[in-house]
């Protein structure tokens, strides 16, 4: 039986980490065995205490801790080193994305049609919380720049829901520490010549008052990452 590794980077998500773990552990994974790789990235709001006192076996989870906050990319770099599945999916710990989407996202990889699948919040047809206008413009611009630089047709490069065949994911040496992981991984898998597909997904986005962390400054980091990784590995 093939195994699915679900990588969950966590930073200051005390209110949502248990609900997310419950949802992921109960999710339909298209018949795949599942393992959860949780990396707490130096949380300071009680998340770390929750995870330290958690029975990981209840969720088929292995939990790792960073002593200080380094960023989402750093947490995923740690998770990458511990993932043993044949297929990899990234899951945020904030409940913006629903694990109910897993079967549709996994199917193209399981069926052998895709090496990588992105869940798009911007391709239409699914329930999506209204973005801030600046976020929408920023996301569309970053996807446009990705398409120009890498000759592709992505609608949502910055999406959390990315599914990879493990051999594709393991080839990527993650160097980014923060949210510039998203353009880095996109650039590096596209340079492998992979078959990348998109599917529409629902999106239950948060505002900053609800704990959203990415800011306009991360947009500049993403632009630089897209340009840099066009020319370097």
C-alpha atoms as a PDB file:
ATOM      1  CA  UNK A   1       0.000   0.000   0.000  1.00  0.00           C
ATOM      2  CA  UNK A   2       1.237   3.476  -0.870  1.00  0.00           C
ATOM      3  CA  UNK A   3       1.733   5.981   1.925  1.00  0.00           C
ATOM      4  CA  UNK A   4       0.778   9.652   2.088  1.00  0.00           C
ATOM      5  CA  UNK A   5       2.951  12.010   4.128  1.00  0.00           C
ATOM      6  CA  UNK A   6       1.023  15.073   5.310  1.00  0.00           C
ATOM      7  CA  UNK A   7       3.435  17.861   6.264  1.00  0.00           C
ATOM      8  CA  UNK A   8       2.008  20.327   8.783  1.00  0.00           C
ATOM      9  CA  UNK A   9       4.121  23.395   9.662  1.00  0.00           C
ATOM     10  CA  UNK A  10       2.773  25.105  12.779  1.00  0.00           C
ATOM     11  CA  UNK A  11       3.401  28.503  14.318  1.00  0.00           C
ATOM     12  CA  UNK A  12       1.139  30.034  16.982  1.00  0.00           C
ATOM     13  CA  UNK A  13      -1.992  28.056  16.126  1.00  0.00           C
ATOM     14  CA  UNK A  14      -3.189  27.054  19.611  1.00  0.00           C
ATOM     15  CA  UNK A  15      -6.842  27.547  18.662  1.00  0.00           C
ATOM     16  CA  UNK A  16      -6.759  25.461  15.511  1.00  0.00           C
ATOM     17  CA  UNK A  17      -4.039  22.812  15.799  1.00  0.00           C
ATOM     18  CA  UNK A  18      -6.223  20.138  17.426  1.00  0.00           C
ATOM     19  CA  UNK A  19      -9.210  20.706  15.071  1.00  0.00           C
ATOM     20  CA  UNK A  20      -6.817  20.495  12.110  1.00  0.00           C
ATOM     21  CA  UNK A  21      -5.253  17.270  13.367  1.00  0.00           C
ATOM     22  CA  UNK A  22      -8.725  15.811  13.909  1.00  0.00           C
ATOM     23  CA  UNK A  23      -9.811  16.771  10.396  1.00  0.00           C
ATOM     24  CA  UNK A  24      -6.634  15.443   8.794  1.00  0.00           C
ATOM     25  CA  UNK A  25      -6.688  12.173  10.726  1.00  0.00           C
ATOM     26  CA  UNK A  26     -10.294  11.566   9.649  1.00  0.00           C
ATOM     27  CA  UNK A  27      -9.800  12.681   6.047  1.00  0.00           C
ATOM     28  CA  UNK A  28     -10.380  10.341   3.129  1.00  0.00           C
ATOM     29  CA  UNK A  29      -6.910   9.824   1.642  1.00  0.00           C
ATOM     30  CA  UNK A  30      -8.039   7.759  -1.338  1.00  0.00           C
ATOM     31  CA  UNK A  31      -7.060   4.489   0.322  1.00  0.00           C
ATOM     32  CA  UNK A  32      -3.501   5.559   1.124  1.00  0.00           C
ATOM     33  CA  UNK A  33      -1.859   4.851   4.454  1.00  0.00           C
ATOM     34  CA  UNK A  34      -1.150   8.194   6.093  1.00  0.00           C
ATOM     35  CA  UNK A  35       1.472   9.720   8.332  1.00  0.00           C
ATOM     36  CA  UNK A  36       1.377  13.227   9.777  1.00  0.00           C
ATOM     37  CA  UNK A  37       4.650  15.104  10.135  1.00  0.00           C
ATOM     38  CA  UNK A  38       4.051  18.089  12.416  1.00  0.00           C
ATOM     39  CA  UNK A  39       6.758  20.716  12.936  1.00  0.00           C
ATOM     40  CA  UNK A  40       6.194  23.394  15.563  1.00  0.00           C
ATOM     41  CA  UNK A  41       8.255  26.386  14.495  1.00  0.00           C
ATOM     42  CA  UNK A  42       8.955  27.964  17.867  1.00  0.00           C
ATOM     43  CA  UNK A  43       5.342  28.764  18.823  1.00  0.00           C
ATOM     44  CA  UNK A  44       4.860  31.105  21.790  1.00  0.00           C
ATOM     45  CA  UNK A  45       1.076  31.032  22.246  1.00  0.00           C
ATOM     46  CA  UNK A  46       0.676  27.627  23.907  1.00  0.00           C
ATOM     47  CA  UNK A  47       0.766  25.557  20.716  1.00  0.00           C
ATOM     48  CA  UNK A  48       4.052  23.991  21.760  1.00  0.00           C
ATOM     49  CA  UNK A  49       2.605  22.882  25.114  1.00  0.00           C
ATOM     50  CA  UNK A  50      -0.408  21.368  23.375  1.00  0.00           C
ATOM     51  CA  UNK A  51       1.797  19.382  21.020  1.00  0.00           C
ATOM     52  CA  UNK A  52       4.216  18.287  23.744  1.00  0.00           C
ATOM     53  CA  UNK A  53       1.322  16.836  25.720  1.00  0.00           C
ATOM     54  CA  UNK A  54      -0.325  15.238  22.708  1.00  0.00           C
ATOM     55  CA  UNK A  55      -0.492  11.497  22.108  1.00  0.00           C
ATOM     56  CA  UNK A  56       0.874  11.510  18.579  1.00  0.00           C
ATOM     57  CA  UNK A  57      -0.175   7.927  17.994  1.00  0.00           C
ATOM     58  CA  UNK A  58      -3.802   9.036  18.114  1.00  0.00           C
ATOM     59  CA  UNK A  59      -3.245  10.905  14.859  1.00  0.00           C
ATOM     60  CA  UNK A  60      -0.463   8.754  13.343  1.00  0.00           C
ATOM     61  CA  UNK A  61       1.647  11.861  13.887  1.00  0.00           C
ATOM     62  CA  UNK A  62       5.317  12.450  14.510  1.00  0.00           C
ATOM     63  CA  UNK A  63       5.959  15.833  16.078  1.00  0.00           C
ATOM     64  CA  UNK A  64       9.157  17.887  15.910  1.00  0.00           C
ATOM     65  CA  UNK A  65      10.054  21.203  17.504  1.00  0.00           C
ATOM     66  CA  UNK A  66      12.178  24.192  16.533  1.00  0.00           C
ATOM     67  CA  UNK A  67      13.620  26.051  19.497  1.00  0.00           C
ATOM     68  CA  UNK A  68      12.961  29.398  17.839  1.00  0.00           C
ATOM     69  CA  UNK A  69      10.779  30.636  15.010  1.00  0.00           C
ATOM     70  CA  UNK A  70      12.486  30.305  11.627  1.00  0.00           C
ATOM     71  CA  UNK A  71       9.604  30.378   9.133  1.00  0.00           C
ATOM     72  CA  UNK A  72       7.369  28.080   7.113  1.00  0.00           C
ATOM     73  CA  UNK A  73      10.128  27.091   4.705  1.00  0.00           C
ATOM     74  CA  UNK A  74      12.384  26.038   7.580  1.00  0.00           C
ATOM     75  CA  UNK A  75       9.580  23.975   9.129  1.00  0.00           C
ATOM     76  CA  UNK A  76       8.949  22.223   5.825  1.00  0.00           C
ATOM     77  CA  UNK A  77      12.670  21.569   5.403  1.00  0.00           C
ATOM     78  CA  UNK A  78      12.589  19.728   8.732  1.00  0.00           C
ATOM     79  CA  UNK A  79       9.414  17.871   7.734  1.00  0.00           C
ATOM     80  CA  UNK A  80      10.910  16.899   4.382  1.00  0.00           C
ATOM     81  CA  UNK A  81      13.720  15.081   6.157  1.00  0.00           C
ATOM     82  CA  UNK A  82      11.299  12.905   8.120  1.00  0.00           C
ATOM     83  CA  UNK A  83       8.671  12.149   5.463  1.00  0.00           C
ATOM     84  CA  UNK A  84       8.627   8.528   4.325  1.00  0.00           C
ATOM     85  CA  UNK A  85       5.532   8.512   2.085  1.00  0.00           C
ATOM     86  CA  UNK A  86       5.249   7.865  -1.629  1.00  0.00           C
ATOM     87  CA  UNK A  87       3.140  11.010  -2.022  1.00  0.00           C
ATOM     88  CA  UNK A  88       3.525  14.298  -0.140  1.00  0.00           C
ATOM     89  CA  UNK A  89       0.914  16.944   0.626  1.00  0.00           C
ATOM     90  CA  UNK A  90       1.326  20.199   2.556  1.00  0.00           C
ATOM     91  CA  UNK A  91      -1.353  21.166   5.081  1.00  0.00           C
ATOM     92  CA  UNK A  92      -1.428  24.461   6.957  1.00  0.00           C
ATOM     93  CA  UNK A  93      -2.535  24.392  10.601  1.00  0.00           C
ATOM     94  CA  UNK A  94      -4.932  27.340  10.387  1.00  0.00           C
ATOM     95  CA  UNK A  95      -8.103  25.764   8.918  1.00  0.00           C
ATOM     96  CA  UNK A  96      -8.003  27.916   5.784  1.00  0.00           C
ATOM     97  CA  UNK A  97      -7.846  24.717   3.727  1.00  0.00           C
ATOM     98  CA  UNK A  98     -10.107  21.684   4.108  1.00  0.00           C
ATOM     99  CA  UNK A  99      -8.733  18.108   4.093  1.00  0.00           C
ATOM    100  CA  UNK A 100     -12.002  17.133   2.409  1.00  0.00           C
ATOM    101  CA  UNK A 101     -10.203  18.211  -0.774  1.00  0.00           C
ATOM    102  CA  UNK A 102      -7.621  15.398  -0.477  1.00  0.00           C
ATOM    103  CA  UNK A 103      -9.288  12.733  -2.666  1.00  0.00           C
ATOM    104  CA  UNK A 104      -9.594  15.037  -5.681  1.00  0.00           C
ATOM    105  CA  UNK A 105      -6.068  16.409  -5.240  1.00  0.00           C
ATOM    106  CA  UNK A 106      -4.523  12.961  -4.851  1.00  0.00           C
ATOM    107  CA  UNK A 107      -6.324  11.231  -7.698  1.00  0.00           C
ATOM    108  CA  UNK A 108      -4.254  12.608 -10.631  1.00  0.00           C
ATOM    109  CA  UNK A 109      -1.046  11.480  -8.898  1.00  0.00           C
ATOM    110  CA  UNK A 110      -2.410   8.066  -7.889  1.00  0.00           C
ATOM    111  CA  UNK A 111      -3.741   7.504 -11.401  1.00  0.00           C
ATOM    112  CA  UNK A 112      -0.337   8.340 -12.894  1.00  0.00           C
ATOM    113  CA  UNK A 113      -1.444  11.444 -14.788  1.00  0.00           C
ATOM    114  CA  UNK A 114       0.404  14.025 -12.671  1.00  0.00           C
ATOM    115  CA  UNK A 115       3.684  14.370 -10.789  1.00  0.00           C
ATOM    116  CA  UNK A 116       2.502  17.488  -8.940  1.00  0.00           C
ATOM    117  CA  UNK A 117      -0.981  18.889  -8.261  1.00  0.00           C
ATOM    118  CA  UNK A 118      -1.772  22.375  -6.996  1.00  0.00           C
ATOM    119  CA  UNK A 119      -5.108  23.276  -5.445  1.00  0.00           C
ATOM    120  CA  UNK A 120      -6.131  26.640  -6.906  1.00  0.00           C
ATOM    121  CA  UNK A 121      -8.185  29.143  -4.930  1.00  0.00           C
ATOM    122  CA  UNK A 122      -8.432  31.397  -7.967  1.00  0.00           C
ATOM    123  CA  UNK A 123      -9.635  29.193 -10.820  1.00  0.00           C
ATOM    124  CA  UNK A 124     -13.307  29.525  -9.828  1.00  0.00           C
ATOM    125  CA  UNK A 125     -16.107  27.075  -9.171  1.00  0.00           C
ATOM    126  CA  UNK A 126     -15.561  26.494  -5.451  1.00  0.00           C
ATOM    127  CA  UNK A 127     -16.487  28.271  -2.224  1.00  0.00           C
ATOM    128  CA  UNK A 128     -13.887  30.970  -1.557  1.00  0.00           C
ATOM    129  CA  UNK A 129     -13.854  33.678   1.067  1.00  0.00           C
ATOM    130  CA  UNK A 130     -13.448  37.103  -0.517  1.00  0.00           C
ATOM    131  CA  UNK A 131      -9.788  38.145  -0.552  1.00  0.00           C
ATOM    132  CA  UNK A 132      -8.557  41.549   0.353  1.00  0.00           C
ATOM    133  CA  UNK A 133      -8.146  43.270  -2.999  1.00  0.00           C
ATOM    134  CA  UNK A 134      -4.421  43.756  -2.407  1.00  0.00           C
ATOM    135  CA  UNK A 135      -3.994  40.024  -1.657  1.00  0.00           C
ATOM    136  CA  UNK A 136      -5.854  39.092  -4.818  1.00  0.00           C
ATOM    137  CA  UNK A 137      -3.769  41.407  -6.977  1.00  0.00           C
ATOM    138  CA  UNK A 138      -0.579  40.184  -5.322  1.00  0.00           C
ATOM    139  CA  UNK A 139      -1.448  36.529  -5.836  1.00  0.00           C
ATOM    140  CA  UNK A 140      -2.412  37.071  -9.461  1.00  0.00           C
ATOM    141  CA  UNK A 141       0.780  39.016 -10.142  1.00  0.00           C
ATOM    142  CA  UNK A 142       2.978  36.327  -8.581  1.00  0.00           C
ATOM    143  CA  UNK A 143       1.243  33.637 -10.639  1.00  0.00           C
ATOM    144  CA  UNK A 144       1.636  35.788 -13.773  1.00  0.00           C
ATOM    145  CA  UNK A 145       5.350  36.241 -13.089  1.00  0.00           C
ATOM    146  CA  UNK A 146       5.710  32.496 -12.527  1.00  0.00           C
ATOM    147  CA  UNK A 147       4.039  31.794 -15.866  1.00  0.00           C
ATOM    148  CA  UNK A 148       6.268  34.253 -17.717  1.00  0.00           C
ATOM    149  CA  UNK A 149       9.497  32.990 -16.174  1.00  0.00           C
ATOM    150  CA  UNK A 150       8.741  29.264 -16.284  1.00  0.00           C
ATOM    151  CA  UNK A 151       6.437  28.987 -19.323  1.00  0.00           C
ATOM    152  CA  UNK A 152       3.440  27.552 -17.494  1.00  0.00           C
ATOM    153  CA  UNK A 153      -0.218  28.455 -16.866  1.00  0.00           C
ATOM    154  CA  UNK A 154      -0.681  28.453 -13.091  1.00  0.00           C
ATOM    155  CA  UNK A 155      -3.534  30.429 -11.570  1.00  0.00           C
ATOM    156  CA  UNK A 156      -2.426  30.168  -7.918  1.00  0.00           C
ATOM    157  CA  UNK A 157       1.269  29.653  -7.286  1.00  0.00           C
ATOM    158  CA  UNK A 158       0.988  30.717  -3.625  1.00  0.00           C
ATOM    159  CA  UNK A 159      -1.551  28.048  -2.648  1.00  0.00           C
ATOM    160  CA  UNK A 160      -0.807  25.895   0.389  1.00  0.00           C
ATOM    161  CA  UNK A 161      -2.264  22.741  -1.146  1.00  0.00           C
ATOM    162  CA  UNK A 162       0.563  21.269  -3.140  1.00  0.00           C
ATOM    163  CA  UNK A 163       0.779  17.510  -3.773  1.00  0.00           C
ATOM    164  CA  UNK A 164       3.991  15.873  -4.965  1.00  0.00           C
ATOM    165  CA  UNK A 165       5.259  12.479  -5.897  1.00  0.00           C
ATOM    166  CA  UNK A 166       7.855  11.927  -3.185  1.00  0.00           C
ATOM    167  CA  UNK A 167      10.753  11.510  -5.613  1.00  0.00           C
ATOM    168  CA  UNK A 168       9.971  14.941  -7.105  1.00  0.00           C
ATOM    169  CA  UNK A 169       9.717  16.606  -3.697  1.00  0.00           C
ATOM    170  CA  UNK A 170      12.843  14.967  -2.297  1.00  0.00           C
ATOM    171  CA  UNK A 171      14.928  16.319  -5.183  1.00  0.00           C
ATOM    172  CA  UNK A 172      14.281  19.855  -3.997  1.00  0.00           C
ATOM    173  CA  UNK A 173      16.823  21.225  -1.559  1.00  0.00           C
ATOM    174  CA  UNK A 174      14.723  23.739   0.358  1.00  0.00           C
ATOM    175  CA  UNK A 175      16.755  26.870   1.063  1.00  0.00           C
ATOM    176  CA  UNK A 176      14.022  29.395   1.858  1.00  0.00           C
ATOM    177  CA  UNK A 177      13.066  29.889   5.489  1.00  0.00           C
ATOM    178  CA  UNK A 178       9.898  31.953   5.177  1.00  0.00           C
ATOM    179  CA  UNK A 179       6.933  32.122   2.797  1.00  0.00           C
ATOM    180  CA  UNK A 180       9.324  32.344  -0.164  1.00  0.00           C
ATOM    181  CA  UNK A 181       9.254  28.557   0.065  1.00  0.00           C
ATOM    182  CA  UNK A 182       6.185  28.663  -2.220  1.00  0.00           C
ATOM    183  CA  UNK A 183       7.931  30.228  -5.253  1.00  0.00           C
ATOM    184  CA  UNK A 184      11.099  28.252  -4.538  1.00  0.00           C
ATOM    185  CA  UNK A 185       9.384  24.864  -4.621  1.00  0.00           C
ATOM    186  CA  UNK A 186       7.349  25.894  -7.659  1.00  0.00           C
ATOM    187  CA  UNK A 187      10.439  27.019  -9.539  1.00  0.00           C
ATOM    188  CA  UNK A 188      12.399  23.910  -8.667  1.00  0.00           C
ATOM    189  CA  UNK A 189       9.706  21.391  -9.566  1.00  0.00           C
ATOM    190  CA  UNK A 190       8.951  23.167 -12.849  1.00  0.00           C
ATOM    191  CA  UNK A 191      12.650  23.055 -13.711  1.00  0.00           C
ATOM    192  CA  UNK A 192      12.437  19.274 -13.297  1.00  0.00           C
ATOM    193  CA  UNK A 193      10.016  19.184 -16.232  1.00  0.00           C
ATOM    194  CA  UNK A 194       7.199  17.703 -14.151  1.00  0.00           C
ATOM    195  CA  UNK A 195       3.583  17.168 -15.160  1.00  0.00           C
ATOM    196  CA  UNK A 196       1.899  19.787 -12.987  1.00  0.00           C
ATOM    197  CA  UNK A 197      -1.890  20.017 -12.813  1.00  0.00           C
ATOM    198  CA  UNK A 198      -4.248  22.386 -10.997  1.00  0.00           C
ATOM    199  CA  UNK A 199      -7.642  21.704  -9.447  1.00  0.00           C
ATOM    200  CA  UNK A 200     -10.080  24.246  -7.945  1.00  0.00           C
ATOM    201  CA  UNK A 201     -10.355  24.112  -4.156  1.00  0.00           C
ATOM    202  CA  UNK A 202     -12.417  25.837  -1.491  1.00  0.00           C
ATOM    203  CA  UNK A 203     -10.705  28.487   0.621  1.00  0.00           C
ATOM    204  CA  UNK A 204     -11.702  29.669   4.085  1.00  0.00           C
ATOM    205  CA  UNK A 205      -9.205  32.502   4.427  1.00  0.00           C
ATOM    206  CA  UNK A 206      -8.461  34.461   7.580  1.00  0.00           C
ATOM    207  CA  UNK A 207      -7.920  38.152   8.164  1.00  0.00           C
ATOM    208  CA  UNK A 208      -4.978  39.505  10.166  1.00  0.00           C
ATOM    209  CA  UNK A 209      -7.234  39.915  13.186  1.00  0.00           C
ATOM    210  CA  UNK A 210      -7.884  36.164  12.976  1.00  0.00           C
ATOM    211  CA  UNK A 211      -4.206  35.208  12.862  1.00  0.00           C
ATOM    212  CA  UNK A 212      -3.124  35.508   9.216  1.00  0.00           C
ATOM    213  CA  UNK A 213       0.651  35.908   9.050  1.00  0.00           C
ATOM    214  CA  UNK A 214       1.769  36.549   5.474  1.00  0.00           C
ATOM    215  CA  UNK A 215       2.282  40.256   4.664  1.00  0.00           C
ATOM    216  CA  UNK A 216       3.070  42.464   1.681  1.00  0.00           C
ATOM    217  CA  UNK A 217       6.772  42.201   2.571  1.00  0.00           C
ATOM    218  CA  UNK A 218       6.619  38.490   1.783  1.00  0.00           C
ATOM    219  CA  UNK A 219       5.417  39.428  -1.700  1.00  0.00           C
ATOM    220  CA  UNK A 220       8.741  41.110  -2.437  1.00  0.00           C
ATOM    221  CA  UNK A 221      10.556  38.021  -1.163  1.00  0.00           C
ATOM    222  CA  UNK A 222       8.465  35.864  -3.486  1.00  0.00           C
ATOM    223  CA  UNK A 223       9.323  38.030  -6.508  1.00  0.00           C
ATOM    224  CA  UNK A 224      13.022  37.787  -5.734  1.00  0.00           C
ATOM    225  CA  UNK A 225      12.775  34.005  -5.217  1.00  0.00           C
ATOM    226  CA  UNK A 226      11.042  33.485  -8.564  1.00  0.00           C
ATOM    227  CA  UNK A 227      13.767  35.422 -10.357  1.00  0.00           C
ATOM    228  CA  UNK A 228      16.656  33.904  -8.387  1.00  0.00           C
ATOM    229  CA  UNK A 229      15.601  30.280  -8.758  1.00  0.00           C
ATOM    230  CA  UNK A 230      15.145  30.710 -12.483  1.00  0.00           C
ATOM    231  CA  UNK A 231      18.929  30.854 -12.703  1.00  0.00           C
ATOM    232  CA  UNK A 232      20.229  28.982  -9.622  1.00  0.00           C
ATOM    233  CA  UNK A 233      19.358  25.682  -7.952  1.00  0.00           C
END
